[in-house]
C-alpha atoms as a PDB file:
ATOM      1  CA  MET A   1      -5.235  -4.002 -22.901  1.00  0.00           C
ATOM      2  CA  SER A   2      -4.485  -4.601 -19.222  1.00  0.00           C
ATOM      3  CA  LYS A   3      -2.457  -7.442 -17.795  1.00  0.00           C
ATOM      4  CA  LYS A   4      -4.271 -10.312 -16.128  1.00  0.00           C
ATOM      5  CA  ALA A   5      -2.924 -12.649 -13.499  1.00  0.00           C
ATOM      6  CA  LEU A   6      -3.187 -16.368 -14.244  1.00  0.00           C
ATOM      7  CA  HIS A   7      -2.662 -19.446 -12.079  1.00  0.00           C
ATOM      8  CA  CYS A   8      -1.942 -23.006 -13.184  1.00  0.00           C
ATOM      9  CA  LEU A   9      -3.809 -25.466 -10.972  1.00  0.00           C
ATOM     10  CA  SER A  10      -1.527 -28.331 -12.054  1.00  0.00           C
ATOM     11  CA  CYS A  11       1.927 -26.927 -11.226  1.00  0.00           C
ATOM     12  CA  ASP A  12       0.887 -23.899  -9.064  1.00  0.00           C
ATOM     13  CA  TYR A  13       2.740 -21.504 -11.417  1.00  0.00           C
ATOM     14  CA  ARG A  14       1.524 -17.874 -11.482  1.00  0.00           C
ATOM     15  CA  TRP A  15       2.186 -15.322 -14.225  1.00  0.00           C
ATOM     16  CA  MET A  16       0.938 -12.041 -15.708  1.00  0.00           C
ATOM     17  CA  THR A  17      -0.026 -11.687 -19.373  1.00  0.00           C
ATOM     18  CA  GLU A  18      -1.911  -9.462 -21.782  1.00  0.00           C
ATOM     19  CA  ASP A  19      -2.645 -12.382 -24.111  1.00  0.00           C
ATOM     20  CA  ASN A  20      -5.558 -14.788 -23.854  1.00  0.00           C
ATOM     21  CA  MET A  21      -3.790 -18.003 -22.940  1.00  0.00           C
ATOM     22  CA  ASP A  22      -5.252 -21.474 -22.831  1.00  0.00           C
ATOM     23  CA  SER A  23      -2.286 -23.351 -21.357  1.00  0.00           C
ATOM     24  CA  CYS A  24       0.437 -22.905 -18.753  1.00  0.00           C
ATOM     25  CA  PRO A  25       3.775 -21.716 -20.208  1.00  0.00           C
ATOM     26  CA  LYS A  26       5.661 -23.904 -17.719  1.00  0.00           C
ATOM     27  CA  CYS A  27       3.916 -27.306 -17.784  1.00  0.00           C
ATOM     28  CA  LYS A  28       1.620 -26.801 -20.831  1.00  0.00           C
ATOM     29  CA  SER A  29      -1.441 -27.851 -18.800  1.00  0.00           C
ATOM     30  CA  ALA A  30      -4.810 -26.430 -19.831  1.00  0.00           C
ATOM     31  CA  ASN A  31      -5.915 -26.411 -16.193  1.00  0.00           C
ATOM     32  CA  ILE A  32      -5.497 -22.644 -15.675  1.00  0.00           C
ATOM     33  CA  GLU A  33      -7.662 -19.903 -14.205  1.00  0.00           C
ATOM     34  CA  TYR A  34      -7.642 -16.145 -13.868  1.00  0.00           C
ATOM     35  CA  VAL A  35      -6.599 -14.744 -10.517  1.00  0.00           C
ATOM     36  CA  LYS A  36      -8.814 -11.987  -9.144  1.00  0.00           C
ATOM     37  CA  ASP A  37      -8.118  -9.230  -6.670  1.00  0.00           C
ATOM     38  CA  ARG A  38     -10.262  -9.432  -3.541  1.00  0.00           C
ATOM     39  CA  ILE A  39     -10.763  -6.797  -0.889  1.00  0.00           C
ATOM     40  CA  CYS A  40     -12.030  -7.174   2.667  1.00  0.00           C
ATOM     41  CA  LEU A  41     -14.830  -4.716   3.383  1.00  0.00           C
ATOM     42  CA  ASP A  42     -14.074  -4.859   7.126  1.00  0.00           C
ATOM     43  CA  CYS A  43     -10.311  -4.241   7.346  1.00  0.00           C
ATOM     44  CA  GLY A  44      -9.544  -3.027   3.805  1.00  0.00           C
ATOM     45  CA  SER A  45      -6.784  -5.534   3.050  1.00  0.00           C
ATOM     46  CA  ALA A  46      -6.459  -6.806  -0.531  1.00  0.00           C
ATOM     47  CA  TRP A  47      -4.991 -10.000  -1.957  1.00  0.00           C
ATOM     48  CA  TYR A  48      -4.957 -12.179  -5.073  1.00  0.00           C
ATOM     49  CA  TRP A  49      -7.634 -14.844  -5.030  1.00  0.00           C
ATOM     50  CA  HIS A  50      -8.270 -17.939  -7.124  1.00  0.00           C
ATOM     51  CA  SER A  51     -10.834 -20.706  -6.788  1.00  0.00           C
ATOM     52  CA  SER A  52      -8.573 -23.050  -4.825  1.00  0.00           C
ATOM     53  CA  THR A  53      -8.213 -20.545  -1.971  1.00  0.00           C
ATOM     54  CA  SER A  54     -10.718 -19.371   0.614  1.00  0.00           C
ATOM     55  CA  LYS A  55     -12.743 -16.208   0.096  1.00  0.00           C
ATOM     56  CA  LYS A  56     -12.112 -15.306   3.747  1.00  0.00           C
ATOM     57  CA  CYS A  57      -9.884 -12.318   4.446  1.00  0.00           C
ATOM     58  CA  ILE A  58      -6.271 -13.375   4.867  1.00  0.00           C
ATOM     59  CA  LYS A  59      -5.722 -10.681   7.514  1.00  0.00           C
ATOM     60  CA  CYS A  60      -8.812 -10.637   9.763  1.00  0.00           C
ATOM     61  CA  GLY A  61     -10.655 -13.821   8.681  1.00  0.00           C
ATOM     62  CA  SER A  62     -13.850 -11.959   7.752  1.00  0.00           C
ATOM     63  CA  GLU A  63     -16.114 -13.417   5.079  1.00  0.00           C
ATOM     64  CA  ASN A  64     -17.260  -9.895   4.128  1.00  0.00           C
ATOM     65  CA  THR A  65     -15.071  -9.754   0.990  1.00  0.00           C
ATOM     66  CA  THR A  66     -15.629  -8.915  -2.670  1.00  0.00           C
ATOM     67  CA  ASP A  67     -13.784  -9.196  -5.962  1.00  0.00           C
ATOM     68  CA  GLU A  68     -15.439  -6.009  -7.250  1.00  0.00           C
ATOM     69  CA  ILE A  69     -12.035  -4.285  -6.981  1.00  0.00           C
ATOM     70  CA  ASP A  70     -10.989  -6.336 -10.020  1.00  0.00           C
ATOM     71  CA  ASP A  71     -13.555  -4.479 -12.176  1.00  0.00           C
ATOM     72  CA  TYR A  72     -11.883  -1.098 -11.629  1.00  0.00           C
ATOM     73  CA  ASN A  73      -8.472  -1.844 -13.162  1.00  0.00           C
ATOM     74  CA  CYS A  74      -6.934  -0.741  -9.872  1.00  0.00           C
ATOM     75  CA  LYS A  75      -3.176  -0.379  -9.731  1.00  0.00           C
ATOM     76  CA  MET A  76      -1.396  -1.285  -6.503  1.00  0.00           C
ATOM     77  CA  ASP A  77      -0.286   2.356  -6.056  1.00  0.00           C
ATOM     78  CA  ASP A  78      -3.919   3.522  -6.084  1.00  0.00           C
ATOM     79  CA  TYR A  79      -4.921   0.862  -3.582  1.00  0.00           C
ATOM     80  CA  GLN A  80      -1.953   1.579  -1.288  1.00  0.00           C
ATOM     81  CA  LEU A  81      -2.657   5.319  -1.279  1.00  0.00           C
ATOM     82  CA  LEU A  82      -6.313   4.741  -0.383  1.00  0.00           C
ATOM     83  CA  TYR A  83      -5.408   2.104   2.230  1.00  0.00           C
ATOM     84  CA  ASN A  84      -3.062   4.614   3.915  1.00  0.00           C
ATOM     85  CA  ILE A  85      -5.962   7.074   4.165  1.00  0.00           C
ATOM     86  CA  SER A  86      -8.462   4.549   5.545  1.00  0.00           C
ATOM     87  CA  HIS A  87      -8.533   0.810   6.258  1.00  0.00           C
ATOM     88  CA  ASP A  88     -12.259   0.733   5.429  1.00  0.00           C
ATOM     89  CA  GLY A  89     -12.859  -1.522   2.428  1.00  0.00           C
ATOM     90  CA  ASN A  90     -16.138   0.213   1.535  1.00  0.00           C
ATOM     91  CA  PHE A  91     -14.350   3.577   1.380  1.00  0.00           C
ATOM     92  CA  ILE A  92     -11.639   2.120  -0.868  1.00  0.00           C
ATOM     93  CA  LEU A  93     -14.251   0.617  -3.218  1.00  0.00           C
ATOM     94  CA  GLN A  94     -16.213   3.882  -3.378  1.00  0.00           C
ATOM     95  CA  MET A  95     -13.055   5.831  -4.224  1.00  0.00           C
ATOM     96  CA  LEU A  96     -12.143   3.335  -6.968  1.00  0.00           C
ATOM     97  CA  ARG A  97     -15.673   3.639  -8.389  1.00  0.00           C
ATOM     98  CA  LEU A  98     -15.261   7.417  -8.326  1.00  0.00           C
ATOM     99  CA  LYS A  99     -11.924   7.113 -10.126  1.00  0.00           C
ATOM    100  CA  ASN A 100     -13.576   5.142 -12.948  1.00  0.00           C
ATOM    101  CA  ASN A 101     -16.734   7.261 -13.172  1.00  0.00           C
ATOM    102  CA  ASP A 102     -15.411  10.779 -12.489  1.00  0.00           C
ATOM    103  CA  PRO A 103     -11.585  11.027 -12.593  1.00  0.00           C
ATOM    104  CA  ILE A 104     -11.570  14.791 -12.005  1.00  0.00           C
ATOM    105  CA  GLU A 105     -13.609  14.527  -8.801  1.00  0.00           C
ATOM    106  CA  TYR A 106     -11.342  11.650  -7.715  1.00  0.00           C
ATOM    107  CA  GLN A 107      -8.223  13.805  -8.195  1.00  0.00           C
ATOM    108  CA  LEU A 108      -9.779  16.669  -6.197  1.00  0.00           C
ATOM    109  CA  LYS A 109     -10.622  14.358  -3.311  1.00  0.00           C
ATOM    110  CA  MET A 110      -7.147  12.801  -3.359  1.00  0.00           C
ATOM    111  CA  GLN A 111      -5.559  16.272  -3.203  1.00  0.00           C
ATOM    112  CA  GLN A 112      -7.721  17.067  -0.168  1.00  0.00           C
ATOM    113  CA  PHE A 113      -6.653  13.838   1.548  1.00  0.00           C
ATOM    114  CA  LYS A 114      -2.976  14.534   0.832  1.00  0.00           C
ATOM    115  CA  MET A 115      -3.284  18.078   2.228  1.00  0.00           C
ATOM    116  CA  THR A 116      -4.934  16.753   5.390  1.00  0.00           C
ATOM    117  CA  GLN A 117      -2.197  14.133   5.857  1.00  0.00           C
ATOM    118  CA  THR A 118       0.527  16.763   5.377  1.00  0.00           C
ATOM    119  CA  ASN A 119      -1.074  19.108   7.917  1.00  0.00           C
ATOM    120  CA  THR A 120      -1.450  16.443  10.601  1.00  0.00           C
ATOM    121  CA  SER A 121       2.065  15.055  10.110  1.00  0.00           C
ATOM    122  CA  ASN A 122       3.636  18.466  10.883  1.00  0.00           C
ATOM    123  CA  GLN A 123       1.705  18.860  14.135  1.00  0.00           C
ATOM    124  CA  PRO A 124       3.662  18.183  17.363  1.00  0.00           C
ATOM    125  CA  HIS A 125       2.402  15.416  19.619  1.00  0.00           C
ATOM    126  CA  CYS A 126       3.234  14.048  23.053  1.00  0.00           C
ATOM    127  CA  PRO A 127       5.815  11.220  22.872  1.00  0.00           C
ATOM    128  CA  TYR A 128       4.207   9.526  25.896  1.00  0.00           C
ATOM    129  CA  CYS A 129       0.445   9.535  25.165  1.00  0.00           C
ATOM    130  CA  ASN A 130       0.510  10.671  21.486  1.00  0.00           C
ATOM    131  CA  SER A 131      -1.904  13.531  22.237  1.00  0.00           C
ATOM    132  CA  THR A 132      -1.860  16.776  20.249  1.00  0.00           C
ATOM    133  CA  ASN A 133      -3.461  18.678  23.148  1.00  0.00           C
ATOM    134  CA  LEU A 134      -0.287  20.648  23.941  1.00  0.00           C
ATOM    135  CA  THR A 135       0.744  23.995  25.399  1.00  0.00           C
ATOM    136  CA  LYS A 136       3.987  25.702  24.462  1.00  0.00           C
ATOM    137  CA  VAL A 137       6.219  26.366  27.487  1.00  0.00           C
ATOM    138  CA  SER A 138       7.017  30.076  27.408  1.00  0.00           C
ATOM    139  CA  GLY A 139      10.487  31.449  27.987  1.00  0.00           C
ATOM    140  CA  THR A 140       9.180  33.472  30.946  1.00  0.00           C
ATOM    141  CA  SER A 141       7.762  30.332  32.547  1.00  0.00           C
ATOM    142  CA  ARG A 142      11.076  28.504  32.089  1.00  0.00           C
ATOM    143  CA  PHE A 143      13.033  31.446  33.502  1.00  0.00           C
ATOM    144  CA  ALA A 144      10.759  31.720  36.572  1.00  0.00           C
ATOM    145  CA  SER A 145      10.945  27.964  37.181  1.00  0.00           C
ATOM    146  CA  THR A 146      14.753  28.047  36.924  1.00  0.00           C
ATOM    147  CA  LEU A 147      14.918  30.922  39.422  1.00  0.00           C
ATOM    148  CA  MET A 148      12.706  29.037  41.896  1.00  0.00           C
ATOM    149  CA  PHE A 149      14.088  25.499  41.532  1.00  0.00           C
ATOM    150  CA  GLY A 150      17.456  26.066  39.889  1.00  0.00           C
ATOM    151  CA  ILE A 151      18.953  23.630  37.420  1.00  0.00           C
ATOM    152  CA  GLY A 152      16.680  20.854  38.796  1.00  0.00           C
ATOM    153  CA  SER A 153      13.589  22.507  37.328  1.00  0.00           C
ATOM    154  CA  LYS A 154      11.532  20.150  35.168  1.00  0.00           C
ATOM    155  CA  LYS A 155      10.980  22.895  32.578  1.00  0.00           C
ATOM    156  CA  VAL A 156      14.661  23.412  31.716  1.00  0.00           C
ATOM    157  CA  GLY A 157      15.236  22.368  28.113  1.00  0.00           C
ATOM    158  CA  LYS A 158      11.564  21.563  27.559  1.00  0.00           C
ATOM    159  CA  GLN A 159       9.471  23.223  24.860  1.00  0.00           C
ATOM    160  CA  TRP A 160       6.011  21.639  25.211  1.00  0.00           C
ATOM    161  CA  LYS A 161       3.638  20.549  27.997  1.00  0.00           C
ATOM    162  CA  CYS A 162       1.034  17.847  27.344  1.00  0.00           C
ATOM    163  CA  ASN A 163      -2.364  18.834  28.762  1.00  0.00           C
ATOM    164  CA  ASN A 164      -3.472  15.172  28.933  1.00  0.00           C
ATOM    165  CA  CYS A 165      -0.642  13.441  30.812  1.00  0.00           C
ATOM    166  CA  LYS A 166       0.967  16.666  32.180  1.00  0.00           C
ATOM    167  CA  SER A 167       4.448  15.703  30.972  1.00  0.00           C
ATOM    168  CA  TYR A 168       7.030  18.165  29.672  1.00  0.00           C
ATOM    169  CA  PHE A 169       9.115  17.433  26.620  1.00  0.00           C
END
Protein backbone atom coordinates (compact mmCIF):
# COMPACT_ATOMS: atom_id res chain seq x y z
CA MET A 1 0.00 0.00 0.00
CA SER A 2 1.39 3.42 -0.89
CA LYS A 3 1.49 6.45 1.36
CA LYS A 4 -1.02 9.22 0.80
CA ALA A 5 -0.67 12.85 1.74
CA LEU A 6 -3.46 14.32 3.86
CA HIS A 7 -4.30 17.90 4.83
CA CYS A 8 -6.43 19.11 7.74
CA LEU A 9 -8.53 22.09 6.67
CA SER A 10 -9.12 23.11 10.30
CA CYS A 11 -5.54 23.40 11.61
CA ASP A 12 -3.62 23.31 8.26
CA TYR A 13 -1.61 20.26 9.42
CA ARG A 14 -0.19 18.00 6.68
CA TRP A 15 0.96 14.39 7.10
CA MET A 16 1.66 11.17 5.19
CA THR A 17 -0.03 7.87 6.06
CA GLU A 18 -0.75 4.42 4.69
CA ASP A 19 -3.90 4.09 6.81
CA ASN A 20 -7.36 5.32 5.90
CA MET A 21 -7.85 8.11 8.41
CA ASP A 22 -11.03 9.99 9.15
CA SER A 23 -9.65 12.62 11.54
CA CYS A 24 -6.59 14.81 12.00
CA PRO A 25 -4.00 13.35 14.42
CA LYS A 26 -3.23 16.85 15.73
CA CYS A 27 -6.62 18.52 16.31
CA LYS A 28 -8.93 15.48 15.87
CA SER A 29 -11.04 17.36 13.30
CA ALA A 30 -12.84 15.31 10.66
CA ASN A 31 -12.37 18.12 8.14
CA ILE A 32 -9.52 16.45 6.21
CA GLU A 33 -8.80 15.83 2.54
CA TYR A 34 -6.30 13.97 0.42
CA VAL A 35 -3.55 16.02 -1.16
CA LYS A 36 -2.89 15.30 -4.83
CA ASP A 37 0.18 15.83 -6.96
CA ARG A 38 -0.39 18.23 -9.85
CA ILE A 39 1.83 18.83 -12.84
CA CYS A 40 1.91 21.79 -15.22
CA LEU A 41 1.75 20.63 -18.83
CA ASP A 42 3.45 23.85 -19.99
CA CYS A 43 6.54 24.13 -17.76
CA GLY A 44 6.65 20.65 -16.19
CA SER A 45 6.73 21.80 -12.56
CA ALA A 46 4.94 19.65 -9.97
CA TRP A 47 3.47 20.48 -6.57
CA TYR A 48 1.06 19.19 -3.93
CA TRP A 49 -2.48 20.42 -4.44
CA HIS A 50 -5.59 20.40 -2.27
CA SER A 51 -9.01 21.93 -2.78
CA SER A 52 -8.25 25.14 -0.88
CA THR A 53 -5.45 26.08 -3.29
CA SER A 54 -5.58 27.21 -6.90
CA LYS A 55 -5.17 24.75 -9.75
CA LYS A 56 -2.92 27.28 -11.51
CA CYS A 57 0.76 26.42 -11.84
CA ILE A 58 2.75 27.80 -8.93
CA LYS A 59 5.73 28.48 -11.21
CA CYS A 60 4.36 29.92 -14.48
CA GLY A 61 0.70 30.63 -13.59
CA SER A 62 -0.66 28.42 -16.39
CA GLU A 63 -4.07 26.81 -15.96
CA ASN A 64 -2.96 23.89 -18.18
CA THR A 65 -2.41 21.52 -15.22
CA THR A 66 -3.51 18.00 -14.32
CA ASP A 67 -3.51 15.70 -11.32
CA GLU A 68 -3.09 12.64 -13.55
CA ILE A 69 0.47 12.29 -12.18
CA ASP A 70 -1.13 11.11 -8.93
CA ASP A 71 -2.47 7.99 -10.70
CA TYR A 72 1.01 6.72 -11.56
CA ASN A 73 2.40 6.31 -8.03
CA CYS A 74 5.28 8.54 -9.08
CA LYS A 75 8.18 8.90 -6.68
CA MET A 76 9.94 12.26 -6.47
CA ASP A 77 13.17 10.69 -7.82
CA ASP A 78 11.36 9.56 -10.98
CA TYR A 79 9.83 12.99 -11.47
CA GLN A 80 13.13 14.81 -10.84
CA LEU A 81 15.00 12.60 -13.31
CA LEU A 82 12.39 13.22 -16.01
CA TYR A 83 12.24 16.95 -15.22
CA ASN A 84 16.03 17.18 -15.68
CA ILE A 85 15.65 15.63 -19.14
CA SER A 86 12.78 17.89 -20.23
CA HIS A 87 10.61 20.59 -18.65
CA ASP A 88 7.68 19.51 -20.85
CA GLY A 89 4.82 18.28 -18.67
CA ASN A 90 3.33 16.17 -21.48
CA PHE A 91 6.65 14.34 -21.91
CA ILE A 92 6.86 13.67 -18.17
CA LEU A 93 3.29 12.30 -18.11
CA GLN A 94 3.93 10.07 -21.14
CA MET A 95 7.08 8.66 -19.53
CA LEU A 96 5.21 7.96 -16.28
CA ARG A 97 2.46 6.20 -18.26
CA LEU A 98 5.16 4.15 -19.99
CA LYS A 99 6.68 3.26 -16.62
CA ASN A 100 3.33 1.89 -15.41
CA ASN A 101 2.39 0.12 -18.65
CA ASP A 102 5.77 -1.16 -19.89
CA PRO A 103 8.56 -0.93 -17.27
CA ILE A 104 11.15 -2.59 -19.52
CA GLU A 105 10.64 -0.08 -22.34
CA TYR A 106 10.77 2.71 -19.74
CA GLN A 107 14.15 1.48 -18.44
CA LEU A 108 15.55 1.28 -21.99
CA LYS A 109 14.47 4.85 -22.73
CA MET A 110 15.90 6.11 -19.44
CA GLN A 111 19.25 4.46 -20.22
CA GLN A 112 19.27 6.21 -23.60
CA PHE A 113 18.56 9.57 -21.95
CA LYS A 114 21.32 9.04 -19.38
CA MET A 115 23.82 8.12 -22.13
CA THR A 116 22.90 11.25 -24.09
CA GLN A 117 23.31 13.45 -21.00
CA THR A 118 26.71 11.89 -20.23
CA ASN A 119 27.93 12.43 -23.80
CA THR A 120 26.89 16.08 -23.93
CA SER A 121 28.30 16.90 -20.48
CA ASN A 122 31.81 15.78 -21.54
CA GLN A 123 31.82 17.97 -24.64
CA PRO A 124 33.85 21.21 -24.43
CA HIS A 125 31.98 24.47 -24.93
CA CYS A 126 32.86 28.14 -25.25
CA PRO A 127 32.81 29.91 -21.85
CA TYR A 128 31.64 33.15 -23.52
CA CYS A 129 28.78 32.09 -25.84
CA ASN A 130 28.30 28.46 -24.65
CA SER A 131 28.67 27.15 -28.22
CA THR A 132 30.08 23.70 -28.96
CA ASN A 133 31.15 24.78 -32.46
CA LEU A 134 34.88 24.69 -31.63
CA THR A 135 38.20 24.09 -33.35
CA LYS A 136 41.23 22.75 -31.52
CA VAL A 137 44.23 25.10 -31.72
CA SER A 138 47.10 23.03 -33.07
CA GLY A 139 50.58 23.13 -31.62
CA THR A 140 51.95 24.23 -35.00
CA SER A 141 49.52 27.15 -35.11
CA ARG A 142 50.52 28.22 -31.59
CA PHE A 143 54.22 27.93 -32.42
CA ALA A 144 53.85 30.00 -35.63
CA SER A 145 51.81 32.65 -33.81
CA THR A 146 54.43 32.86 -31.04
CA LEU A 147 57.21 33.27 -33.62
CA MET A 148 55.31 36.09 -35.36
CA PHE A 149 53.92 37.97 -32.35
CA GLY A 150 56.07 36.72 -29.49
CA ILE A 151 54.74 36.28 -25.98
CA GLY A 152 51.86 38.70 -26.77
CA SER A 153 50.26 36.19 -29.13
CA LYS A 154 46.60 35.53 -28.33
CA LYS A 155 47.07 31.79 -28.94
CA VAL A 156 49.68 31.24 -26.20
CA GLY A 157 48.20 28.98 -23.54
CA LYS A 158 44.94 28.54 -25.45
CA GLN A 159 43.62 25.15 -26.53
CA TRP A 160 40.32 25.92 -28.30
CA LYS A 161 38.92 28.52 -30.72
CA CYS A 162 35.18 29.21 -30.83
CA ASN A 163 33.91 29.39 -34.42
CA ASN A 164 30.88 31.48 -33.36
CA CYS A 165 32.40 34.33 -31.34
CA LYS A 166 36.02 33.81 -32.54
CA SER A 167 37.43 33.79 -29.01
CA TYR A 168 40.35 31.64 -27.86
CA PHE A 169 40.31 29.83 -24.56
